[in-house]
Amino acid sequence: MGEENVGTLEMLNQLGCELDENGEYEEMKEVWESCLAGRTKVLGEDHTLTLMTVGTLGNVYAILGNYEKALEFLRESFGGTRKDVGEESS
């Protein structure tokens, strides 16, 4: 199927979830980074699934204690999501 196939990307997503459940965070980070690269290329950086992957990577970096990198990813995810769904008016 190849690394740029939507099915392959979904399998990477599932693998990342399994690694999370097993506490294998370093390997999980590598899988999520591959998933992010593929989703960015195939779906675009503003696609909902890409932004979810960015947020997940932020959480992974927080688990690994790299809070600066975590904040960077979480801000990117939040900013993209706000742009995607729009801001609510008060």
C-alpha atoms as a PDB file:
ATOM      1  CA  MET A   1       0.000   0.000   0.000  1.00  0.00           C
ATOM      2  CA  GLY A   2       2.854   2.422   0.683  1.00  0.00           C
ATOM      3  CA  GLU A   3       3.471   5.084   3.291  1.00  0.00           C
ATOM      4  CA  GLU A   4       1.264   7.592   1.489  1.00  0.00           C
ATOM      5  CA  ASN A   5      -1.795   5.358   1.493  1.00  0.00           C
ATOM      6  CA  VAL A   6      -4.698   6.360   3.751  1.00  0.00           C
ATOM      7  CA  GLY A   7      -5.044   2.740   4.926  1.00  0.00           C
ATOM      8  CA  THR A   8      -1.368   2.577   5.857  1.00  0.00           C
ATOM      9  CA  LEU A   9      -1.685   5.837   7.772  1.00  0.00           C
ATOM     10  CA  GLU A  10      -4.667   4.469   9.681  1.00  0.00           C
ATOM     11  CA  MET A  11      -2.655   1.367  10.566  1.00  0.00           C
ATOM     12  CA  LEU A  12       0.164   3.600  11.872  1.00  0.00           C
ATOM     13  CA  ASN A  13      -2.454   5.413  13.932  1.00  0.00           C
ATOM     14  CA  GLN A  14      -3.652   2.114  15.431  1.00  0.00           C
ATOM     15  CA  LEU A  15      -0.081   0.986  16.101  1.00  0.00           C
ATOM     16  CA  GLY A  16       0.565   4.251  17.944  1.00  0.00           C
ATOM     17  CA  CYS A  17      -2.490   3.611  20.125  1.00  0.00           C
ATOM     18  CA  GLU A  18      -1.314   0.070  20.922  1.00  0.00           C
ATOM     19  CA  LEU A  19       2.162   1.307  21.831  1.00  0.00           C
ATOM     20  CA  ASP A  20       0.575   3.896  24.114  1.00  0.00           C
ATOM     21  CA  GLU A  21      -1.403   1.206  25.921  1.00  0.00           C
ATOM     22  CA  ASN A  22       1.809  -0.777  26.401  1.00  0.00           C
ATOM     23  CA  GLY A  23       3.771   2.235  27.666  1.00  0.00           C
ATOM     24  CA  GLU A  24       6.251   2.111  24.779  1.00  0.00           C
ATOM     25  CA  TYR A  25       6.508   5.878  24.441  1.00  0.00           C
ATOM     26  CA  GLU A  26       9.766   6.279  22.514  1.00  0.00           C
ATOM     27  CA  GLU A  27       8.611   3.888  19.803  1.00  0.00           C
ATOM     28  CA  MET A  28       5.161   5.477  19.903  1.00  0.00           C
ATOM     29  CA  LYS A  29       6.743   8.871  19.221  1.00  0.00           C
ATOM     30  CA  GLU A  30       8.486   7.526  16.127  1.00  0.00           C
ATOM     31  CA  VAL A  31       5.268   5.949  14.834  1.00  0.00           C
ATOM     32  CA  TRP A  32       3.259   9.136  15.394  1.00  0.00           C
ATOM     33  CA  GLU A  33       5.956  11.210  13.684  1.00  0.00           C
ATOM     34  CA  SER A  34       5.717   8.917  10.643  1.00  0.00           C
ATOM     35  CA  CYS A  35       1.954   9.139  10.743  1.00  0.00           C
ATOM     36  CA  LEU A  36       2.136  12.936  10.928  1.00  0.00           C
ATOM     37  CA  ALA A  37       4.530  13.152   7.988  1.00  0.00           C
ATOM     38  CA  GLY A  38       2.268  10.944   5.904  1.00  0.00           C
ATOM     39  CA  ARG A  39      -0.961  12.669   6.871  1.00  0.00           C
ATOM     40  CA  THR A  40       0.557  16.084   6.212  1.00  0.00           C
ATOM     41  CA  LYS A  41       1.649  14.992   2.752  1.00  0.00           C
ATOM     42  CA  VAL A  42      -1.544  13.120   1.835  1.00  0.00           C
ATOM     43  CA  LEU A  43      -4.236  15.116   3.634  1.00  0.00           C
ATOM     44  CA  GLY A  44      -2.599  18.511   4.166  1.00  0.00           C
ATOM     45  CA  GLU A  45      -1.508  20.293   7.318  1.00  0.00           C
ATOM     46  CA  ASP A  46      -4.970  21.717   8.095  1.00  0.00           C
ATOM     47  CA  HIS A  47      -6.895  18.428   7.809  1.00  0.00           C
ATOM     48  CA  THR A  48      -8.661  17.338  10.990  1.00  0.00           C
ATOM     49  CA  LEU A  49      -6.806  13.999  11.152  1.00  0.00           C
ATOM     50  CA  THR A  50      -3.467  15.732  10.673  1.00  0.00           C
ATOM     51  CA  LEU A  51      -4.271  18.198  13.460  1.00  0.00           C
ATOM     52  CA  MET A  52      -5.339  15.348  15.742  1.00  0.00           C
ATOM     53  CA  THR A  53      -1.983  13.686  15.094  1.00  0.00           C
ATOM     54  CA  VAL A  54      -0.179  16.939  15.921  1.00  0.00           C
ATOM     55  CA  GLY A  55      -2.063  17.086  19.229  1.00  0.00           C
ATOM     56  CA  THR A  56      -1.293  13.459  19.982  1.00  0.00           C
ATOM     57  CA  LEU A  57       2.403  14.087  19.372  1.00  0.00           C
ATOM     58  CA  GLY A  58       2.170  16.988  21.795  1.00  0.00           C
ATOM     59  CA  ASN A  59       0.841  14.605  24.428  1.00  0.00           C
ATOM     60  CA  VAL A  60       3.603  12.098  23.680  1.00  0.00           C
ATOM     61  CA  TYR A  61       6.283  14.739  24.132  1.00  0.00           C
ATOM     62  CA  ALA A  62       4.682  15.736  27.446  1.00  0.00           C
ATOM     63  CA  ILE A  63       4.758  12.111  28.615  1.00  0.00           C
ATOM     64  CA  LEU A  64       8.442  11.965  27.663  1.00  0.00           C
ATOM     65  CA  GLY A  65       9.120  15.155  29.653  1.00  0.00           C
ATOM     66  CA  ASN A  66       9.896  17.406  26.676  1.00  0.00           C
ATOM     67  CA  TYR A  67       7.425  20.095  27.682  1.00  0.00           C
ATOM     68  CA  GLU A  68       8.757  22.764  25.333  1.00  0.00           C
ATOM     69  CA  LYS A  69       8.228  20.508  22.306  1.00  0.00           C
ATOM     70  CA  ALA A  70       4.869  19.381  23.698  1.00  0.00           C
ATOM     71  CA  LEU A  71       3.684  22.968  23.989  1.00  0.00           C
ATOM     72  CA  GLU A  72       4.821  23.681  20.431  1.00  0.00           C
ATOM     73  CA  PHE A  73       2.782  20.774  19.045  1.00  0.00           C
ATOM     74  CA  LEU A  74      -0.267  21.485  21.208  1.00  0.00           C
ATOM     75  CA  ARG A  75      -0.313  25.149  20.184  1.00  0.00           C
ATOM     76  CA  GLU A  76      -0.076  24.139  16.521  1.00  0.00           C
ATOM     77  CA  SER A  77      -2.930  21.673  16.935  1.00  0.00           C
ATOM     78  CA  PHE A  78      -5.107  24.168  18.807  1.00  0.00           C
ATOM     79  CA  GLY A  79      -4.432  26.955  16.320  1.00  0.00           C
ATOM     80  CA  GLY A  80      -5.218  24.738  13.342  1.00  0.00           C
ATOM     81  CA  THR A  81      -8.344  23.368  14.955  1.00  0.00           C
ATOM     82  CA  ARG A  82      -9.629  26.859  15.755  1.00  0.00           C
ATOM     83  CA  LYS A  83      -9.038  27.865  12.149  1.00  0.00           C
ATOM     84  CA  ASP A  84     -10.764  24.708  10.915  1.00  0.00           C
ATOM     85  CA  VAL A  85     -13.931  24.942  13.021  1.00  0.00           C
ATOM     86  CA  GLY A  86     -13.944  28.702  13.585  1.00  0.00           C
ATOM     87  CA  GLU A  87     -14.202  30.647  16.764  1.00  0.00           C
ATOM     88  CA  GLU A  88     -17.511  30.913  18.567  1.00  0.00           C
ATOM     89  CA  SER A  89     -18.852  34.405  18.950  1.00  0.00           C
ATOM     90  CA  SER A  90     -19.887  35.573  22.405  1.00  0.00           C
END
